[in-house]
Amino acid sequence: MTLIRNLLALIGALTLVVLLAAAIWLGPRLASFDPEFLPTYSTFAANLLATGDPGGAMMWSVPVEDGLSVDEVIDSLKSLATTNNLLFVGESPFYQQVEAVTGEPYRYVNFLSFCDAQVGKMMLEYRNHYSGFMPCRIALVEDREGQLWLFSMNLDFMIYGGKELPAELKQEAISVRDTLRGMMEGAAAGEF
């Protein structure tokens, strides 16, 4: 019994040493991170654990209301972008590329790109790596059952996922994030 108690005490002491060392090592590194860093990654981790799908955990998804056509959703996205001072900068009709390569029909999948050039410039001036987030994309996807969905990357990772952004850049990035999210919700309901 004494051996088991001593072994458990040793395991407990080692656990405390490891936790203390981790706190000493991580503390200074995390001090400069955005205050929303932990909630952002906690939400991601909870979604990942619930679904087992990293793509689903880091993306926004909005079902399109029944009865809306592809053209109506695209027109809605373009209209909402214009209303919110975002430029529509292009689209990539993926389904057409699949059909051209395979010679077989494919369900509708189209990537629509939007940009706020001023915010994009700010992002690039801050860090070139942020070019990977640009332009902002919204995918219009027909699932295997024929339901249309809108998907986009959760921009909270860019905004809160590491060291805190400069205040003005952070404010502008939040504005773009909110605009994209609003465009998705609005287009899924057929708003203009």
C-alpha atoms as a PDB file:
ATOM      1  CA  MET A   1       0.000   0.000   0.000  1.00  0.00           C
ATOM      2  CA  THR A   2       2.874   2.358   0.841  1.00  0.00           C
ATOM      3  CA  LEU A   3       4.456   1.638  -2.533  1.00  0.00           C
ATOM      4  CA  ILE A   4       1.248   2.565  -4.394  1.00  0.00           C
ATOM      5  CA  ARG A   5       0.803   5.733  -2.310  1.00  0.00           C
ATOM      6  CA  ASN A   6       4.421   6.771  -2.959  1.00  0.00           C
ATOM      7  CA  LEU A   7       4.061   6.015  -6.680  1.00  0.00           C
ATOM      8  CA  LEU A   8       0.901   8.118  -6.906  1.00  0.00           C
ATOM      9  CA  ALA A   9       2.623  10.936  -4.999  1.00  0.00           C
ATOM     10  CA  LEU A  10       5.558  10.783  -7.424  1.00  0.00           C
ATOM     11  CA  ILE A  11       3.198  10.894 -10.422  1.00  0.00           C
ATOM     12  CA  GLY A  12       1.413  13.872  -8.870  1.00  0.00           C
ATOM     13  CA  ALA A  13       4.686  15.691  -8.209  1.00  0.00           C
ATOM     14  CA  LEU A  14       5.907  15.048 -11.759  1.00  0.00           C
ATOM     15  CA  THR A  15       2.594  16.311 -13.139  1.00  0.00           C
ATOM     16  CA  LEU A  16       2.942  19.520 -11.133  1.00  0.00           C
ATOM     17  CA  VAL A  17       6.536  19.997 -12.352  1.00  0.00           C
ATOM     18  CA  VAL A  18       5.462  19.501 -15.967  1.00  0.00           C
ATOM     19  CA  LEU A  19       2.536  21.928 -15.566  1.00  0.00           C
ATOM     20  CA  LEU A  20       4.766  24.519 -13.907  1.00  0.00           C
ATOM     21  CA  ALA A  21       7.423  24.175 -16.628  1.00  0.00           C
ATOM     22  CA  ALA A  22       4.732  24.498 -19.315  1.00  0.00           C
ATOM     23  CA  ALA A  23       3.343  27.620 -17.629  1.00  0.00           C
ATOM     24  CA  ILE A  24       6.814  29.180 -17.368  1.00  0.00           C
ATOM     25  CA  TRP A  25       7.599  28.329 -20.991  1.00  0.00           C
ATOM     26  CA  LEU A  26       4.171  29.163 -22.494  1.00  0.00           C
ATOM     27  CA  GLY A  27       3.209  32.130 -20.332  1.00  0.00           C
ATOM     28  CA  PRO A  28       5.511  34.709 -21.929  1.00  0.00           C
ATOM     29  CA  ARG A  29       4.745  33.416 -25.424  1.00  0.00           C
ATOM     30  CA  LEU A  30       0.972  33.651 -24.952  1.00  0.00           C
ATOM     31  CA  ALA A  31       1.076  37.050 -23.244  1.00  0.00           C
ATOM     32  CA  SER A  32       1.189  38.876 -26.592  1.00  0.00           C
ATOM     33  CA  PHE A  33      -1.618  36.782 -28.091  1.00  0.00           C
ATOM     34  CA  ASP A  34      -5.050  38.235 -28.681  1.00  0.00           C
ATOM     35  CA  PRO A  35      -7.365  38.049 -25.639  1.00  0.00           C
ATOM     36  CA  GLU A  36      -9.824  36.050 -27.782  1.00  0.00           C
ATOM     37  CA  PHE A  37      -7.149  33.474 -28.662  1.00  0.00           C
ATOM     38  CA  LEU A  38      -8.294  30.829 -26.167  1.00  0.00           C
ATOM     39  CA  PRO A  39     -12.052  31.136 -26.862  1.00  0.00           C
ATOM     40  CA  THR A  40     -11.388  30.954 -30.619  1.00  0.00           C
ATOM     41  CA  TYR A  41      -9.363  27.770 -30.383  1.00  0.00           C
ATOM     42  CA  SER A  42     -11.629  26.317 -27.691  1.00  0.00           C
ATOM     43  CA  THR A  43     -14.604  26.655 -30.038  1.00  0.00           C
ATOM     44  CA  PHE A  44     -12.568  25.089 -32.844  1.00  0.00           C
ATOM     45  CA  ALA A  45     -11.473  22.215 -30.586  1.00  0.00           C
ATOM     46  CA  ALA A  46     -15.040  21.600 -29.368  1.00  0.00           C
ATOM     47  CA  ASN A  47     -16.319  21.507 -32.963  1.00  0.00           C
ATOM     48  CA  LEU A  48     -13.450  19.257 -34.019  1.00  0.00           C
ATOM     49  CA  LEU A  49     -14.062  16.848 -31.153  1.00  0.00           C
ATOM     50  CA  ALA A  50     -17.815  16.810 -31.853  1.00  0.00           C
ATOM     51  CA  THR A  51     -17.471  16.150 -35.584  1.00  0.00           C
ATOM     52  CA  GLY A  52     -13.967  14.776 -36.106  1.00  0.00           C
ATOM     53  CA  ASP A  53     -13.803  17.042 -39.160  1.00  0.00           C
ATOM     54  CA  PRO A  54     -11.201  19.862 -39.194  1.00  0.00           C
ATOM     55  CA  GLY A  55     -12.756  21.373 -42.332  1.00  0.00           C
ATOM     56  CA  GLY A  56     -16.150  21.653 -40.721  1.00  0.00           C
ATOM     57  CA  ALA A  57     -14.616  23.014 -37.513  1.00  0.00           C
ATOM     58  CA  MET A  58     -12.886  25.918 -39.264  1.00  0.00           C
ATOM     59  CA  MET A  59     -15.575  26.866 -41.760  1.00  0.00           C
ATOM     60  CA  TRP A  60     -18.860  28.732 -41.581  1.00  0.00           C
ATOM     61  CA  SER A  61     -21.758  26.982 -43.283  1.00  0.00           C
ATOM     62  CA  VAL A  62     -25.206  28.349 -44.033  1.00  0.00           C
ATOM     63  CA  PRO A  63     -27.974  26.378 -45.748  1.00  0.00           C
ATOM     64  CA  VAL A  64     -29.717  28.216 -48.583  1.00  0.00           C
ATOM     65  CA  GLU A  65     -33.498  28.466 -48.259  1.00  0.00           C
ATOM     66  CA  ASP A  66     -35.434  26.028 -50.430  1.00  0.00           C
ATOM     67  CA  GLY A  67     -36.692  27.521 -53.667  1.00  0.00           C
ATOM     68  CA  LEU A  68     -33.756  29.869 -54.254  1.00  0.00           C
ATOM     69  CA  SER A  69     -31.847  29.219 -57.461  1.00  0.00           C
ATOM     70  CA  VAL A  70     -28.097  29.333 -57.936  1.00  0.00           C
ATOM     71  CA  ASP A  71     -28.443  32.539 -59.958  1.00  0.00           C
ATOM     72  CA  GLU A  72     -30.551  34.176 -57.239  1.00  0.00           C
ATOM     73  CA  VAL A  73     -27.980  33.335 -54.568  1.00  0.00           C
ATOM     74  CA  ILE A  74     -25.099  34.633 -56.697  1.00  0.00           C
ATOM     75  CA  ASP A  75     -26.995  37.822 -57.563  1.00  0.00           C
ATOM     76  CA  SER A  76     -27.777  38.274 -53.879  1.00  0.00           C
ATOM     77  CA  LEU A  77     -24.121  37.832 -52.874  1.00  0.00           C
ATOM     78  CA  LYS A  78     -23.000  40.352 -55.499  1.00  0.00           C
ATOM     79  CA  SER A  79     -25.666  42.855 -54.469  1.00  0.00           C
ATOM     80  CA  LEU A  80     -24.874  42.502 -50.774  1.00  0.00           C
ATOM     81  CA  ALA A  81     -21.156  42.873 -51.517  1.00  0.00           C
ATOM     82  CA  THR A  82     -21.777  46.118 -53.411  1.00  0.00           C
ATOM     83  CA  THR A  83     -24.021  47.419 -50.634  1.00  0.00           C
ATOM     84  CA  ASN A  84     -21.234  46.711 -48.133  1.00  0.00           C
ATOM     85  CA  ASN A  85     -18.383  48.166 -50.228  1.00  0.00           C
ATOM     86  CA  LEU A  86     -16.808  44.833 -51.116  1.00  0.00           C
ATOM     87  CA  LEU A  87     -15.685  44.173 -54.655  1.00  0.00           C
ATOM     88  CA  PHE A  88     -16.752  41.024 -56.468  1.00  0.00           C
ATOM     89  CA  VAL A  89     -13.413  40.003 -57.982  1.00  0.00           C
ATOM     90  CA  GLY A  90     -14.230  36.721 -59.656  1.00  0.00           C
ATOM     91  CA  GLU A  91     -15.540  33.231 -59.541  1.00  0.00           C
ATOM     92  CA  SER A  92     -14.245  29.753 -60.225  1.00  0.00           C
ATOM     93  CA  PRO A  93     -17.013  27.378 -61.352  1.00  0.00           C
ATOM     94  CA  PHE A  94     -15.371  24.217 -60.053  1.00  0.00           C
ATOM     95  CA  TYR A  95     -18.141  21.954 -61.294  1.00  0.00           C
ATOM     96  CA  GLN A  96     -17.328  22.977 -64.888  1.00  0.00           C
ATOM     97  CA  GLN A  97     -13.678  22.085 -64.369  1.00  0.00           C
ATOM     98  CA  VAL A  98     -14.647  18.666 -62.998  1.00  0.00           C
ATOM     99  CA  GLU A  99     -16.985  18.082 -65.934  1.00  0.00           C
ATOM    100  CA  ALA A 100     -14.275  19.095 -68.427  1.00  0.00           C
ATOM    101  CA  VAL A 101     -11.777  16.684 -66.879  1.00  0.00           C
ATOM    102  CA  THR A 102     -14.090  13.732 -66.244  1.00  0.00           C
ATOM    103  CA  GLY A 103     -16.567  14.176 -69.107  1.00  0.00           C
ATOM    104  CA  GLU A 104     -19.393  13.564 -66.613  1.00  0.00           C
ATOM    105  CA  PRO A 105     -21.932  15.943 -65.057  1.00  0.00           C
ATOM    106  CA  TYR A 106     -21.108  17.161 -61.567  1.00  0.00           C
ATOM    107  CA  ARG A 107     -23.115  18.896 -58.874  1.00  0.00           C
ATOM    108  CA  TYR A 108     -22.896  22.675 -58.621  1.00  0.00           C
ATOM    109  CA  VAL A 109     -19.786  23.989 -56.827  1.00  0.00           C
ATOM    110  CA  ASN A 110     -18.636  27.559 -57.412  1.00  0.00           C
ATOM    111  CA  PHE A 111     -16.097  29.693 -55.550  1.00  0.00           C
ATOM    112  CA  LEU A 112     -16.952  33.398 -55.462  1.00  0.00           C
ATOM    113  CA  SER A 113     -14.263  35.889 -54.468  1.00  0.00           C
ATOM    114  CA  PHE A 114     -14.743  39.241 -52.779  1.00  0.00           C
ATOM    115  CA  CYS A 115     -12.236  41.853 -51.691  1.00  0.00           C
ATOM    116  CA  ASP A 116     -11.831  45.102 -49.822  1.00  0.00           C
ATOM    117  CA  ALA A 117      -8.620  46.342 -51.434  1.00  0.00           C
ATOM    118  CA  GLN A 118      -7.867  48.852 -48.678  1.00  0.00           C
ATOM    119  CA  VAL A 119      -8.119  46.231 -45.936  1.00  0.00           C
ATOM    120  CA  GLY A 120      -6.202  43.780 -48.112  1.00  0.00           C
ATOM    121  CA  LYS A 121      -3.400  46.313 -48.474  1.00  0.00           C
ATOM    122  CA  MET A 122      -3.339  46.802 -44.702  1.00  0.00           C
ATOM    123  CA  MET A 123      -3.103  43.034 -44.216  1.00  0.00           C
ATOM    124  CA  LEU A 124      -0.220  42.720 -46.675  1.00  0.00           C
ATOM    125  CA  GLU A 125       1.608  45.654 -45.112  1.00  0.00           C
ATOM    126  CA  TYR A 126       1.257  43.907 -41.762  1.00  0.00           C
ATOM    127  CA  ARG A 127       2.324  40.436 -42.927  1.00  0.00           C
ATOM    128  CA  ASN A 128       2.668  38.850 -46.370  1.00  0.00           C
ATOM    129  CA  HIS A 129       1.342  35.529 -45.061  1.00  0.00           C
ATOM    130  CA  TYR A 130      -2.100  37.103 -44.804  1.00  0.00           C
ATOM    131  CA  SER A 131      -2.296  36.980 -48.601  1.00  0.00           C
ATOM    132  CA  GLY A 132      -3.451  33.385 -48.132  1.00  0.00           C
ATOM    133  CA  PHE A 133      -6.714  34.702 -46.705  1.00  0.00           C
ATOM    134  CA  MET A 134      -7.307  36.897 -49.759  1.00  0.00           C
ATOM    135  CA  PRO A 135      -9.506  37.381 -51.565  1.00  0.00           C
ATOM    136  CA  CYS A 136     -12.310  36.359 -49.244  1.00  0.00           C
ATOM    137  CA  ARG A 137     -14.112  33.382 -50.746  1.00  0.00           C
ATOM    138  CA  ILE A 138     -17.626  32.125 -50.381  1.00  0.00           C
ATOM    139  CA  ALA A 139     -18.345  28.720 -51.872  1.00  0.00           C
ATOM    140  CA  LEU A 140     -21.806  27.971 -53.209  1.00  0.00           C
ATOM    141  CA  VAL A 141     -22.140  24.186 -53.040  1.00  0.00           C
ATOM    142  CA  GLU A 142     -24.923  21.797 -53.946  1.00  0.00           C
ATOM    143  CA  ASP A 143     -24.687  18.833 -51.605  1.00  0.00           C
ATOM    144  CA  ARG A 144     -25.362  15.252 -52.678  1.00  0.00           C
ATOM    145  CA  GLU A 145     -29.038  15.642 -51.766  1.00  0.00           C
ATOM    146  CA  GLY A 146     -29.444  18.761 -53.927  1.00  0.00           C
ATOM    147  CA  GLN A 147     -29.466  21.293 -51.057  1.00  0.00           C
ATOM    148  CA  LEU A 148     -27.503  24.497 -51.699  1.00  0.00           C
ATOM    149  CA  TRP A 149     -25.075  25.674 -49.022  1.00  0.00           C
ATOM    150  CA  LEU A 150     -22.748  28.642 -48.553  1.00  0.00           C
ATOM    151  CA  PHE A 151     -19.336  27.976 -47.012  1.00  0.00           C
ATOM    152  CA  SER A 152     -16.526  30.325 -46.024  1.00  0.00           C
ATOM    153  CA  MET A 153     -13.471  30.202 -43.819  1.00  0.00           C
ATOM    154  CA  ASN A 154     -14.031  31.347 -40.250  1.00  0.00           C
ATOM    155  CA  LEU A 155     -11.932  34.506 -40.222  1.00  0.00           C
ATOM    156  CA  ASP A 156     -11.693  34.487 -36.426  1.00  0.00           C
ATOM    157  CA  PHE A 157      -8.497  32.451 -36.798  1.00  0.00           C
ATOM    158  CA  MET A 158      -6.938  35.290 -38.788  1.00  0.00           C
ATOM    159  CA  ILE A 159      -8.217  37.943 -36.380  1.00  0.00           C
ATOM    160  CA  TYR A 160      -7.769  36.284 -32.985  1.00  0.00           C
ATOM    161  CA  GLY A 161      -5.630  33.212 -33.667  1.00  0.00           C
ATOM    162  CA  GLY A 162      -2.245  34.546 -32.589  1.00  0.00           C
ATOM    163  CA  LYS A 163      -0.532  37.770 -31.645  1.00  0.00           C
ATOM    164  CA  GLU A 164      -2.953  40.650 -31.377  1.00  0.00           C
ATOM    165  CA  LEU A 165      -3.333  42.613 -34.604  1.00  0.00           C
ATOM    166  CA  PRO A 166      -2.713  46.364 -34.592  1.00  0.00           C
ATOM    167  CA  ALA A 167      -5.918  48.098 -33.458  1.00  0.00           C
ATOM    168  CA  GLU A 168      -6.891  49.669 -36.795  1.00  0.00           C
ATOM    169  CA  LEU A 169      -6.195  46.486 -38.762  1.00  0.00           C
ATOM    170  CA  LYS A 170      -8.108  44.405 -36.237  1.00  0.00           C
ATOM    171  CA  GLN A 171     -11.110  46.728 -36.451  1.00  0.00           C
ATOM    172  CA  GLU A 172     -11.110  46.569 -40.269  1.00  0.00           C
ATOM    173  CA  ALA A 173     -10.660  42.783 -40.293  1.00  0.00           C
ATOM    174  CA  ILE A 174     -13.615  42.395 -37.912  1.00  0.00           C
ATOM    175  CA  SER A 175     -15.671  44.602 -40.217  1.00  0.00           C
ATOM    176  CA  VAL A 176     -14.822  42.437 -43.253  1.00  0.00           C
ATOM    177  CA  ARG A 177     -15.564  39.278 -41.244  1.00  0.00           C
ATOM    178  CA  ASP A 178     -18.939  40.618 -40.163  1.00  0.00           C
ATOM    179  CA  THR A 179     -19.738  41.719 -43.719  1.00  0.00           C
ATOM    180  CA  LEU A 180     -18.925  38.290 -45.168  1.00  0.00           C
ATOM    181  CA  ARG A 181     -20.944  36.536 -42.518  1.00  0.00           C
ATOM    182  CA  GLY A 182     -23.852  38.920 -43.120  1.00  0.00           C
ATOM    183  CA  MET A 183     -23.604  38.355 -46.876  1.00  0.00           C
ATOM    184  CA  MET A 184     -23.834  34.602 -46.356  1.00  0.00           C
ATOM    185  CA  GLU A 185     -26.860  34.880 -44.073  1.00  0.00           C
ATOM    186  CA  GLY A 186     -28.544  37.399 -46.381  1.00  0.00           C
ATOM    187  CA  ALA A 187     -27.889  35.502 -49.619  1.00  0.00           C
ATOM    188  CA  ALA A 188     -29.074  32.247 -48.044  1.00  0.00           C
ATOM    189  CA  ALA A 189     -32.396  34.010 -47.406  1.00  0.00           C
ATOM    190  CA  GLY A 190     -32.501  35.643 -50.839  1.00  0.00           C
ATOM    191  CA  GLU A 191     -31.919  39.215 -49.636  1.00  0.00           C
ATOM    192  CA  PHE A 192     -30.653  41.940 -51.938  1.00  0.00           C
END
